[in-house]
Amino acid sequence: MGFVGFDLDMTLIDSRPAIMAAFAELARETGTEIDLAAVDSRLGIKLEDEVAYWFPAAEQAAAATGYRRHYVRLAAEHTSALPGAQEALAAVRAAGERVVIITAKHPVSVEPSLRAAGLTADEVVTHVHGPEKAAVLRRFAATAYVGDSPPDMAAAVAAGTRAVGVSTGSFSERELYEAGAGVVLGSLTGFPSWYRALATA
């Protein structure tokens, strides 16, 4: 039985409102000025890498902990499945393959996000980004990896699997193609037909 990999933030779920709200709370709590537009432009990287833009080294661990406390509280109200997410996962399972979510999110943040969006995975690998995702994709021998960012596409290419972009995050179709996407979908609503065509090719 094969696997199809999916990124989580802005690929399967619209986590932008929860992320922005959690960073706003962190800024208020710590008195630190955080440019939410800049955070938005980098959605998908590890939290530890993002807080490094705003906090000195000695404060970064506490900032990450504070952010996650706010995020877990806010996720239920501010997270939703992106259009086509349920159908995309169903298409994979209907074809006899399994869904593995491969995300930079910390484990504590993944479960409430999936619960809020009403999504489930057969396997979940957390706290990986960029080349780390490539190693996971190779381990699962994934048929494809679906993501919204250039590092997602580069990870798929490095792993020798199909790179499927969705332009539902902070990056354009052009940026995804330039990073190695074999196909870019406007949303996951187009995934089932693409996947079925792949399965019958």
N, C-alpha and C. Protein backbone atom coordinates (compact mmCIF):
# COMPACT_ATOMS: atom_id res chain seq x y z
N MET A 1 0.85 -1.19 0.00
CA MET A 1 0.00 0.00 0.00
C MET A 1 0.88 1.24 0.00
N GLY A 2 0.63 2.15 -0.93
CA GLY A 2 1.45 3.34 -1.05
C GLY A 2 0.93 4.50 -0.21
N PHE A 3 1.68 5.58 -0.23
CA PHE A 3 1.35 6.78 0.52
C PHE A 3 1.35 7.99 -0.40
N VAL A 4 0.48 8.93 -0.10
CA VAL A 4 0.52 10.26 -0.69
C VAL A 4 0.72 11.24 0.46
N GLY A 5 1.72 12.10 0.32
CA GLY A 5 2.03 13.05 1.37
C GLY A 5 1.34 14.39 1.16
N PHE A 6 0.94 15.00 2.24
CA PHE A 6 0.32 16.33 2.22
C PHE A 6 0.98 17.21 3.28
N ASP A 7 1.27 18.44 2.90
CA ASP A 7 1.58 19.47 3.88
C ASP A 7 0.27 19.79 4.62
N LEU A 8 0.37 20.53 5.72
CA LEU A 8 -0.84 20.83 6.50
C LEU A 8 -1.27 22.28 6.36
N ASP A 9 -0.47 23.21 6.88
CA ASP A 9 -0.86 24.63 6.86
C ASP A 9 -1.00 25.15 5.44
N MET A 10 -2.16 25.70 5.14
CA MET A 10 -2.47 26.34 3.86
C MET A 10 -2.43 25.38 2.68
N THR A 11 -2.35 24.09 2.97
CA THR A 11 -2.52 23.05 1.95
C THR A 11 -3.82 22.31 2.22
N LEU A 12 -3.92 21.72 3.41
CA LEU A 12 -5.16 21.04 3.83
C LEU A 12 -6.04 21.95 4.70
N ILE A 13 -5.41 22.80 5.50
CA ILE A 13 -6.19 23.63 6.41
C ILE A 13 -5.87 25.11 6.22
N ASP A 14 -6.86 25.94 6.45
CA ASP A 14 -6.65 27.38 6.49
C ASP A 14 -6.33 27.72 7.94
N SER A 15 -5.06 27.72 8.24
CA SER A 15 -4.59 28.02 9.60
C SER A 15 -4.14 29.46 9.74
N ARG A 16 -4.20 30.23 8.65
CA ARG A 16 -3.71 31.62 8.69
C ARG A 16 -4.38 32.43 9.81
N PRO A 17 -5.72 32.41 9.94
CA PRO A 17 -6.33 33.22 11.01
C PRO A 17 -5.83 32.84 12.40
N ALA A 18 -5.67 31.54 12.66
CA ALA A 18 -5.20 31.11 13.98
C ALA A 18 -3.75 31.51 14.20
N ILE A 19 -2.93 31.38 13.17
CA ILE A 19 -1.51 31.75 13.28
C ILE A 19 -1.38 33.25 13.54
N MET A 20 -2.10 34.05 12.76
CA MET A 20 -2.02 35.50 12.93
C MET A 20 -2.53 35.92 14.32
N ALA A 21 -3.61 35.30 14.76
CA ALA A 21 -4.16 35.64 16.07
C ALA A 21 -3.19 35.25 17.18
N ALA A 22 -2.54 34.10 17.04
CA ALA A 22 -1.59 33.65 18.07
C ALA A 22 -0.37 34.56 18.11
N PHE A 23 0.13 34.98 16.95
CA PHE A 23 1.26 35.91 16.95
C PHE A 23 0.86 37.28 17.49
N ALA A 24 -0.36 37.71 17.21
CA ALA A 24 -0.83 38.98 17.76
C ALA A 24 -0.89 38.92 19.29
N GLU A 25 -1.37 37.79 19.81
CA GLU A 25 -1.41 37.62 21.26
C GLU A 25 -0.01 37.57 21.85
N LEU A 26 0.91 36.89 21.16
CA LEU A 26 2.29 36.82 21.63
C LEU A 26 2.92 38.21 21.66
N ALA A 27 2.65 39.00 20.62
CA ALA A 27 3.19 40.37 20.57
C ALA A 27 2.65 41.19 21.73
N ARG A 28 1.34 41.08 21.97
CA ARG A 28 0.72 41.83 23.07
C ARG A 28 1.28 41.40 24.42
N GLU A 29 1.43 40.11 24.60
CA GLU A 29 1.87 39.55 25.87
C GLU A 29 3.32 39.93 26.19
N THR A 30 4.17 39.95 25.16
CA THR A 30 5.59 40.19 25.37
C THR A 30 6.01 41.64 25.13
N GLY A 31 5.10 42.44 24.57
CA GLY A 31 5.45 43.81 24.23
C GLY A 31 6.41 43.91 23.06
N THR A 32 6.43 42.87 22.23
CA THR A 32 7.33 42.82 21.08
C THR A 32 6.57 43.17 19.82
N GLU A 33 7.14 44.01 18.99
CA GLU A 33 6.50 44.37 17.72
C GLU A 33 6.76 43.25 16.71
N ILE A 34 5.69 42.62 16.23
CA ILE A 34 5.78 41.53 15.26
C ILE A 34 4.99 41.94 14.03
N ASP A 35 5.65 41.95 12.89
CA ASP A 35 5.02 42.32 11.63
C ASP A 35 4.27 41.10 11.08
N LEU A 36 2.95 41.11 11.22
CA LEU A 36 2.17 39.94 10.82
C LEU A 36 2.23 39.68 9.32
N ALA A 37 2.38 40.73 8.53
CA ALA A 37 2.52 40.53 7.08
C ALA A 37 3.79 39.77 6.76
N ALA A 38 4.86 40.06 7.49
CA ALA A 38 6.12 39.33 7.29
C ALA A 38 5.97 37.88 7.71
N VAL A 39 5.29 37.65 8.83
CA VAL A 39 5.02 36.27 9.26
C VAL A 39 4.23 35.53 8.17
N ASP A 40 3.23 36.19 7.65
CA ASP A 40 2.38 35.60 6.61
C ASP A 40 3.19 35.21 5.38
N SER A 41 4.19 36.01 5.04
CA SER A 41 4.98 35.75 3.84
C SER A 41 5.85 34.51 3.97
N ARG A 42 6.01 34.02 5.19
CA ARG A 42 6.86 32.85 5.43
C ARG A 42 6.08 31.65 5.96
N LEU A 43 4.77 31.67 5.88
CA LEU A 43 3.98 30.57 6.43
C LEU A 43 4.50 29.23 5.92
N GLY A 44 4.69 28.31 6.87
CA GLY A 44 5.17 26.98 6.51
C GLY A 44 6.50 26.63 7.14
N ILE A 45 7.25 27.66 7.58
CA ILE A 45 8.52 27.36 8.24
C ILE A 45 8.26 26.96 9.69
N LYS A 46 9.28 26.41 10.34
CA LYS A 46 9.12 26.04 11.74
C LYS A 46 8.94 27.28 12.60
N LEU A 47 8.16 27.12 13.64
CA LEU A 47 7.93 28.23 14.57
C LEU A 47 9.24 28.76 15.12
N GLU A 48 10.16 27.87 15.45
CA GLU A 48 11.44 28.29 16.02
C GLU A 48 12.19 29.22 15.07
N ASP A 49 12.07 28.95 13.78
CA ASP A 49 12.73 29.82 12.80
C ASP A 49 12.02 31.17 12.69
N GLU A 50 10.70 31.17 12.84
CA GLU A 50 9.96 32.43 12.75
C GLU A 50 10.21 33.32 13.97
N VAL A 51 10.17 32.75 15.16
CA VAL A 51 10.36 33.60 16.34
C VAL A 51 11.77 34.20 16.38
N ALA A 52 12.72 33.55 15.68
CA ALA A 52 14.09 34.08 15.64
C ALA A 52 14.15 35.43 14.93
N TYR A 53 13.15 35.73 14.10
CA TYR A 53 13.10 37.04 13.46
C TYR A 53 12.73 38.15 14.45
N TRP A 54 12.10 37.80 15.56
CA TRP A 54 11.50 38.81 16.43
C TRP A 54 12.07 38.85 17.84
N PHE A 55 12.73 37.79 18.26
CA PHE A 55 13.19 37.70 19.65
C PHE A 55 14.68 37.36 19.70
N PRO A 56 15.41 37.90 20.68
CA PRO A 56 16.80 37.50 20.86
C PRO A 56 16.88 36.03 21.28
N ALA A 57 18.05 35.45 21.09
CA ALA A 57 18.21 34.00 21.30
C ALA A 57 17.74 33.55 22.67
N ALA A 58 18.03 34.33 23.69
CA ALA A 58 17.69 33.92 25.06
C ALA A 58 16.19 33.89 25.31
N GLU A 59 15.41 34.55 24.47
CA GLU A 59 13.96 34.62 24.67
C GLU A 59 13.17 33.74 23.70
N GLN A 60 13.85 33.10 22.77
CA GLN A 60 13.12 32.40 21.71
C GLN A 60 12.37 31.17 22.19
N ALA A 61 12.94 30.39 23.08
CA ALA A 61 12.24 29.19 23.57
C ALA A 61 10.96 29.58 24.29
N ALA A 62 11.03 30.61 25.13
CA ALA A 62 9.83 31.06 25.85
C ALA A 62 8.80 31.63 24.88
N ALA A 63 9.26 32.32 23.84
CA ALA A 63 8.33 32.87 22.85
C ALA A 63 7.61 31.76 22.11
N ALA A 64 8.33 30.71 21.75
CA ALA A 64 7.71 29.58 21.05
C ALA A 64 6.68 28.90 21.94
N THR A 65 7.03 28.73 23.20
CA THR A 65 6.08 28.12 24.15
C THR A 65 4.83 28.99 24.30
N GLY A 66 5.04 30.30 24.40
CA GLY A 66 3.91 31.20 24.53
C GLY A 66 3.02 31.18 23.31
N TYR A 67 3.64 31.19 22.13
CA TYR A 67 2.86 31.13 20.90
C TYR A 67 2.02 29.87 20.86
N ARG A 68 2.62 28.74 21.17
CA ARG A 68 1.87 27.47 21.08
C ARG A 68 0.72 27.45 22.08
N ARG A 69 0.89 28.05 23.23
CA ARG A 69 -0.21 28.12 24.20
C ARG A 69 -1.38 28.88 23.61
N HIS A 70 -1.09 29.99 22.96
CA HIS A 70 -2.16 30.77 22.33
C HIS A 70 -2.76 30.02 21.14
N TYR A 71 -1.89 29.39 20.34
CA TYR A 71 -2.38 28.72 19.13
C TYR A 71 -3.33 27.59 19.48
N VAL A 72 -2.97 26.76 20.42
CA VAL A 72 -3.82 25.63 20.81
C VAL A 72 -5.18 26.13 21.28
N ARG A 73 -5.20 27.24 21.98
CA ARG A 73 -6.46 27.82 22.45
C ARG A 73 -7.30 28.38 21.30
N LEU A 74 -6.64 28.96 20.32
CA LEU A 74 -7.34 29.65 19.23
C LEU A 74 -7.68 28.76 18.05
N ALA A 75 -7.02 27.61 17.94
CA ALA A 75 -7.16 26.77 16.74
C ALA A 75 -8.60 26.35 16.49
N ALA A 76 -9.32 25.97 17.52
CA ALA A 76 -10.68 25.46 17.34
C ALA A 76 -11.58 26.48 16.67
N GLU A 77 -11.42 27.74 17.04
CA GLU A 77 -12.30 28.79 16.52
C GLU A 77 -11.85 29.32 15.17
N HIS A 78 -10.56 29.23 14.90
CA HIS A 78 -10.00 29.94 13.74
C HIS A 78 -9.41 29.03 12.66
N THR A 79 -9.68 27.74 12.70
CA THR A 79 -9.13 26.80 11.72
C THR A 79 -10.25 26.14 10.94
N SER A 80 -10.06 26.00 9.63
CA SER A 80 -11.04 25.30 8.80
C SER A 80 -10.33 24.53 7.71
N ALA A 81 -11.00 23.52 7.19
CA ALA A 81 -10.45 22.77 6.06
C ALA A 81 -10.52 23.64 4.82
N LEU A 82 -9.48 23.59 4.00
CA LEU A 82 -9.50 24.31 2.74
C LEU A 82 -10.40 23.59 1.74
N PRO A 83 -10.94 24.31 0.75
CA PRO A 83 -11.82 23.66 -0.24
C PRO A 83 -11.15 22.46 -0.90
N GLY A 84 -11.86 21.35 -0.91
CA GLY A 84 -11.37 20.14 -1.55
C GLY A 84 -10.52 19.25 -0.68
N ALA A 85 -10.21 19.67 0.55
CA ALA A 85 -9.32 18.87 1.39
C ALA A 85 -9.91 17.50 1.72
N GLN A 86 -11.17 17.49 2.15
CA GLN A 86 -11.81 16.21 2.48
C GLN A 86 -11.83 15.29 1.27
N GLU A 87 -12.18 15.86 0.12
CA GLU A 87 -12.30 15.05 -1.11
C GLU A 87 -10.94 14.55 -1.57
N ALA A 88 -9.89 15.34 -1.37
CA ALA A 88 -8.55 14.92 -1.77
C ALA A 88 -8.10 13.70 -0.95
N LEU A 89 -8.32 13.76 0.35
CA LEU A 89 -7.93 12.63 1.20
C LEU A 89 -8.78 11.40 0.87
N ALA A 90 -10.05 11.62 0.61
CA ALA A 90 -10.93 10.50 0.25
C ALA A 90 -10.50 9.85 -1.05
N ALA A 91 -10.05 10.66 -2.02
CA ALA A 91 -9.61 10.11 -3.31
C ALA A 91 -8.40 9.22 -3.14
N VAL A 92 -7.48 9.63 -2.28
CA VAL A 92 -6.29 8.81 -2.01
C VAL A 92 -6.68 7.47 -1.41
N ARG A 93 -7.56 7.52 -0.43
CA ARG A 93 -7.96 6.28 0.25
C ARG A 93 -8.79 5.39 -0.66
N ALA A 94 -9.61 6.00 -1.52
CA ALA A 94 -10.43 5.20 -2.45
C ALA A 94 -9.55 4.43 -3.43
N ALA A 95 -8.37 4.96 -3.69
CA ALA A 95 -7.44 4.30 -4.61
C ALA A 95 -6.57 3.26 -3.90
N GLY A 96 -6.78 3.08 -2.61
CA GLY A 96 -6.03 2.07 -1.87
C GLY A 96 -4.72 2.56 -1.31
N GLU A 97 -4.49 3.88 -1.35
CA GLU A 97 -3.28 4.43 -0.76
C GLU A 97 -3.62 5.09 0.57
N ARG A 98 -2.57 5.46 1.29
CA ARG A 98 -2.76 6.05 2.61
C ARG A 98 -2.27 7.49 2.62
N VAL A 99 -2.79 8.26 3.55
CA VAL A 99 -2.48 9.67 3.68
C VAL A 99 -1.45 9.87 4.78
N VAL A 100 -0.33 10.52 4.44
CA VAL A 100 0.64 10.91 5.45
C VAL A 100 0.78 12.42 5.41
N ILE A 101 0.50 13.06 6.54
CA ILE A 101 0.69 14.50 6.67
C ILE A 101 2.10 14.74 7.17
N ILE A 102 2.82 15.59 6.44
CA ILE A 102 4.22 15.89 6.76
C ILE A 102 4.30 17.40 6.93
N THR A 103 4.52 17.86 8.16
CA THR A 103 4.33 19.27 8.48
C THR A 103 5.42 19.80 9.40
N ALA A 104 5.66 21.10 9.29
CA ALA A 104 6.59 21.77 10.21
C ALA A 104 5.96 22.04 11.57
N LYS A 105 4.66 21.85 11.67
CA LYS A 105 3.96 22.11 12.94
C LYS A 105 4.47 21.19 14.05
N HIS A 106 4.47 21.71 15.25
CA HIS A 106 4.80 20.92 16.44
C HIS A 106 3.64 19.97 16.74
N PRO A 107 3.94 18.79 17.29
CA PRO A 107 2.86 17.83 17.59
C PRO A 107 1.70 18.43 18.40
N VAL A 108 2.01 19.32 19.35
CA VAL A 108 0.94 19.86 20.20
C VAL A 108 -0.06 20.69 19.41
N SER A 109 0.38 21.22 18.26
CA SER A 109 -0.50 22.07 17.46
C SER A 109 -1.24 21.31 16.37
N VAL A 110 -0.78 20.12 16.03
CA VAL A 110 -1.37 19.39 14.90
C VAL A 110 -2.75 18.83 15.25
N GLU A 111 -2.85 18.19 16.40
CA GLU A 111 -4.11 17.52 16.75
C GLU A 111 -5.28 18.49 16.81
N PRO A 112 -5.16 19.63 17.53
CA PRO A 112 -6.31 20.55 17.55
C PRO A 112 -6.62 21.14 16.18
N SER A 113 -5.60 21.29 15.34
CA SER A 113 -5.83 21.81 13.99
C SER A 113 -6.63 20.83 13.15
N LEU A 114 -6.24 19.56 13.19
CA LEU A 114 -6.96 18.54 12.43
C LEU A 114 -8.38 18.36 12.96
N ARG A 115 -8.52 18.39 14.27
CA ARG A 115 -9.85 18.22 14.87
C ARG A 115 -10.77 19.37 14.45
N ALA A 116 -10.24 20.58 14.47
CA ALA A 116 -11.06 21.74 14.08
C ALA A 116 -11.48 21.67 12.63
N ALA A 117 -10.60 21.12 11.78
CA ALA A 117 -10.90 21.04 10.35
C ALA A 117 -11.67 19.78 9.98
N GLY A 118 -11.81 18.85 10.90
CA GLY A 118 -12.52 17.60 10.62
C GLY A 118 -11.77 16.68 9.69
N LEU A 119 -10.44 16.69 9.77
CA LEU A 119 -9.60 15.87 8.90
C LEU A 119 -8.86 14.82 9.71
N THR A 120 -8.55 13.70 9.06
CA THR A 120 -7.76 12.65 9.70
C THR A 120 -6.68 12.19 8.74
N ALA A 121 -5.59 11.69 9.30
CA ALA A 121 -4.49 11.14 8.51
C ALA A 121 -4.20 9.73 8.98
N ASP A 122 -3.61 8.95 8.09
CA ASP A 122 -3.19 7.60 8.47
C ASP A 122 -1.85 7.61 9.19
N GLU A 123 -1.02 8.58 8.82
CA GLU A 123 0.26 8.80 9.50
C GLU A 123 0.48 10.31 9.56
N VAL A 124 1.15 10.75 10.61
CA VAL A 124 1.49 12.17 10.74
C VAL A 124 2.96 12.27 11.16
N VAL A 125 3.71 13.07 10.43
CA VAL A 125 5.10 13.36 10.80
C VAL A 125 5.20 14.86 11.01
N THR A 126 5.64 15.26 12.20
CA THR A 126 5.62 16.66 12.59
C THR A 126 7.02 17.25 12.72
N HIS A 127 7.05 18.59 12.76
CA HIS A 127 8.26 19.35 13.06
C HIS A 127 9.38 19.08 12.06
N VAL A 128 9.02 18.98 10.79
CA VAL A 128 10.01 18.83 9.72
C VAL A 128 9.74 19.87 8.65
N HIS A 129 10.81 20.35 8.03
CA HIS A 129 10.69 21.39 7.01
C HIS A 129 11.82 21.21 6.00
N GLY A 130 11.54 21.61 4.75
CA GLY A 130 12.57 21.60 3.72
C GLY A 130 13.17 20.22 3.51
N PRO A 131 14.50 20.11 3.54
CA PRO A 131 15.16 18.82 3.29
C PRO A 131 14.71 17.72 4.25
N GLU A 132 14.29 18.10 5.46
CA GLU A 132 13.80 17.09 6.40
C GLU A 132 12.55 16.39 5.84
N LYS A 133 11.72 17.15 5.13
CA LYS A 133 10.54 16.54 4.51
C LYS A 133 10.95 15.56 3.42
N ALA A 134 12.01 15.88 2.69
CA ALA A 134 12.47 14.97 1.64
C ALA A 134 12.84 13.61 2.24
N ALA A 135 13.51 13.62 3.37
CA ALA A 135 13.90 12.37 4.02
C ALA A 135 12.67 11.55 4.40
N VAL A 136 11.63 12.23 4.89
CA VAL A 136 10.39 11.53 5.26
C VAL A 136 9.71 10.95 4.03
N LEU A 137 9.66 11.73 2.96
CA LEU A 137 9.03 11.25 1.72
C LEU A 137 9.75 10.02 1.18
N ARG A 138 11.07 10.00 1.27
CA ARG A 138 11.82 8.82 0.83
C ARG A 138 11.50 7.62 1.73
N ARG A 139 11.38 7.87 3.02
CA ARG A 139 11.10 6.77 3.95
C ARG A 139 9.75 6.12 3.66
N PHE A 140 8.76 6.94 3.29
CA PHE A 140 7.43 6.42 2.99
C PHE A 140 7.28 6.01 1.53
N ALA A 141 8.31 6.26 0.71
CA ALA A 141 8.23 6.00 -0.73
C ALA A 141 6.94 6.61 -1.30
N ALA A 142 6.70 7.87 -0.97
CA ALA A 142 5.44 8.52 -1.32
C ALA A 142 5.27 8.65 -2.82
N THR A 143 4.04 8.46 -3.26
CA THR A 143 3.69 8.62 -4.67
C THR A 143 3.78 10.08 -5.09
N ALA A 144 3.41 10.98 -4.19
CA ALA A 144 3.41 12.41 -4.47
C ALA A 144 3.45 13.16 -3.15
N TYR A 145 3.85 14.43 -3.24
CA TYR A 145 3.76 15.32 -2.08
C TYR A 145 3.06 16.59 -2.51
N VAL A 146 2.03 16.93 -1.76
CA VAL A 146 1.19 18.08 -2.08
C VAL A 146 1.47 19.18 -1.07
N GLY A 147 1.84 20.36 -1.57
CA GLY A 147 2.16 21.45 -0.65
C GLY A 147 1.95 22.80 -1.29
N ASP A 148 2.05 23.85 -0.46
CA ASP A 148 1.76 25.21 -0.94
C ASP A 148 2.99 26.09 -1.02
N SER A 149 4.18 25.56 -0.74
CA SER A 149 5.36 26.42 -0.67
C SER A 149 6.50 25.88 -1.53
N PRO A 150 7.41 26.76 -1.96
CA PRO A 150 8.59 26.30 -2.70
C PRO A 150 9.41 25.24 -1.95
N PRO A 151 9.64 25.37 -0.63
CA PRO A 151 10.37 24.30 0.05
C PRO A 151 9.66 22.95 -0.02
N ASP A 152 8.32 22.95 -0.06
CA ASP A 152 7.59 21.69 -0.22
C ASP A 152 7.90 21.07 -1.58
N MET A 153 7.91 21.90 -2.62
CA MET A 153 8.18 21.39 -3.97
C MET A 153 9.62 20.89 -4.06
N ALA A 154 10.55 21.63 -3.48
CA ALA A 154 11.95 21.21 -3.50
C ALA A 154 12.14 19.90 -2.75
N ALA A 155 11.41 19.71 -1.65
CA ALA A 155 11.50 18.46 -0.89
C ALA A 155 11.03 17.28 -1.73
N ALA A 156 9.91 17.47 -2.44
CA ALA A 156 9.40 16.40 -3.29
C ALA A 156 10.40 16.05 -4.39
N VAL A 157 10.95 17.08 -5.03
CA VAL A 157 11.93 16.84 -6.10
C VAL A 157 13.14 16.09 -5.54
N ALA A 158 13.64 16.51 -4.38
CA ALA A 158 14.80 15.87 -3.78
C ALA A 158 14.53 14.41 -3.42
N ALA A 159 13.27 14.13 -3.10
CA ALA A 159 12.90 12.76 -2.74
C ALA A 159 12.58 11.90 -3.96
N GLY A 160 12.54 12.52 -5.14
CA GLY A 160 12.23 11.77 -6.35
C GLY A 160 10.76 11.42 -6.47
N THR A 161 9.90 12.22 -5.86
CA THR A 161 8.46 11.97 -5.95
C THR A 161 7.78 13.12 -6.68
N ARG A 162 6.52 12.95 -7.04
CA ARG A 162 5.80 14.00 -7.77
C ARG A 162 5.55 15.19 -6.87
N ALA A 163 5.87 16.36 -7.36
CA ALA A 163 5.67 17.60 -6.62
C ALA A 163 4.38 18.25 -7.10
N VAL A 164 3.39 18.31 -6.22
CA VAL A 164 2.08 18.86 -6.56
C VAL A 164 1.87 20.13 -5.76
N GLY A 165 1.83 21.27 -6.44
CA GLY A 165 1.63 22.53 -5.75
C GLY A 165 0.17 22.92 -5.70
N VAL A 166 -0.18 23.62 -4.64
CA VAL A 166 -1.50 24.26 -4.55
C VAL A 166 -1.25 25.71 -4.19
N SER A 167 -1.85 26.62 -4.95
CA SER A 167 -1.58 28.05 -4.73
C SER A 167 -2.57 28.66 -3.75
N THR A 168 -2.75 27.98 -2.62
CA THR A 168 -3.68 28.43 -1.59
C THR A 168 -2.97 29.08 -0.42
N GLY A 169 -1.63 29.12 -0.48
CA GLY A 169 -0.87 29.72 0.62
C GLY A 169 -0.34 31.08 0.24
N SER A 170 0.91 31.34 0.60
CA SER A 170 1.50 32.65 0.40
C SER A 170 2.32 32.75 -0.89
N PHE A 171 2.30 31.69 -1.72
CA PHE A 171 3.18 31.64 -2.88
C PHE A 171 2.38 31.46 -4.16
N SER A 172 2.90 32.04 -5.23
CA SER A 172 2.20 32.04 -6.51
C SER A 172 2.44 30.75 -7.27
N GLU A 173 1.61 30.55 -8.28
CA GLU A 173 1.79 29.41 -9.18
C GLU A 173 3.19 29.43 -9.78
N ARG A 174 3.63 30.59 -10.21
CA ARG A 174 4.96 30.70 -10.82
C ARG A 174 6.05 30.29 -9.85
N GLU A 175 5.97 30.75 -8.59
CA GLU A 175 6.98 30.40 -7.60
C GLU A 175 7.01 28.90 -7.35
N LEU A 176 5.85 28.27 -7.36
CA LEU A 176 5.79 26.82 -7.13
C LEU A 176 6.40 26.07 -8.31
N TYR A 177 6.09 26.48 -9.53
CA TYR A 177 6.70 25.85 -10.70
C TYR A 177 8.21 26.04 -10.70
N GLU A 178 8.66 27.23 -10.36
CA GLU A 178 10.10 27.50 -10.34
C GLU A 178 10.83 26.64 -9.31
N ALA A 179 10.12 26.23 -8.26
CA ALA A 179 10.71 25.39 -7.23
C ALA A 179 10.66 23.91 -7.58
N GLY A 180 10.03 23.57 -8.72
CA GLY A 180 10.04 22.18 -9.16
C GLY A 180 8.71 21.48 -9.26
N ALA A 181 7.61 22.21 -9.03
CA ALA A 181 6.29 21.57 -9.12
C ALA A 181 6.08 20.99 -10.52
N GLY A 182 5.53 19.78 -10.55
CA GLY A 182 5.16 19.18 -11.83
C GLY A 182 3.80 19.64 -12.28
N VAL A 183 2.98 20.00 -11.32
CA VAL A 183 1.65 20.53 -11.59
C VAL A 183 1.30 21.47 -10.44
N VAL A 184 0.56 22.52 -10.74
CA VAL A 184 0.07 23.43 -9.69
C VAL A 184 -1.44 23.55 -9.85
N LEU A 185 -2.14 23.28 -8.76
CA LEU A 185 -3.60 23.36 -8.74
C LEU A 185 -4.02 24.63 -8.02
N GLY A 186 -5.12 25.23 -8.49
CA GLY A 186 -5.62 26.42 -7.83
C GLY A 186 -6.11 26.13 -6.42
N SER A 187 -6.59 24.92 -6.19
CA SER A 187 -7.00 24.46 -4.87
C SER A 187 -7.08 22.95 -4.92
N LEU A 188 -7.33 22.35 -3.78
CA LEU A 188 -7.43 20.89 -3.73
C LEU A 188 -8.70 20.36 -4.40
N THR A 189 -9.61 21.25 -4.78
CA THR A 189 -10.79 20.76 -5.49
C THR A 189 -10.39 20.09 -6.81
N GLY A 190 -9.24 20.47 -7.36
CA GLY A 190 -8.78 19.85 -8.59
C GLY A 190 -7.96 18.60 -8.38
N PHE A 191 -7.67 18.25 -7.12
CA PHE A 191 -6.80 17.11 -6.87
C PHE A 191 -7.41 15.77 -7.24
N PRO A 192 -8.67 15.46 -6.89
CA PRO A 192 -9.19 14.12 -7.20
C PRO A 192 -9.11 13.77 -8.68
N SER A 193 -9.46 14.71 -9.57
CA SER A 193 -9.42 14.39 -11.00
C SER A 193 -7.98 14.22 -11.47
N TRP A 194 -7.05 15.05 -10.96
CA TRP A 194 -5.64 14.88 -11.30
C TRP A 194 -5.13 13.54 -10.82
N TYR A 195 -5.49 13.17 -9.60
CA TYR A 195 -5.01 11.93 -9.00
C TYR A 195 -5.57 10.71 -9.71
N ARG A 196 -6.85 10.77 -10.07
CA ARG A 196 -7.44 9.64 -10.78
C ARG A 196 -6.78 9.46 -12.15
N ALA A 197 -6.48 10.58 -12.81
CA ALA A 197 -5.79 10.49 -14.10
C ALA A 197 -4.41 9.87 -13.92
N LEU A 198 -3.74 10.20 -12.85
CA LEU A 198 -2.42 9.64 -12.56
C LEU A 198 -2.53 8.14 -12.35
N ALA A 199 -3.54 7.72 -11.61
CA ALA A 199 -3.70 6.32 -11.28
C ALA A 199 -4.02 5.46 -12.52
N THR A 200 -4.63 6.07 -13.51
CA THR A 200 -5.01 5.30 -14.69
C THR A 200 -4.04 5.48 -15.86
N ALA A 201 -3.00 6.30 -15.63
CA ALA A 201 -2.06 6.58 -16.75
C ALA A 201 -1.22 5.34 -17.05
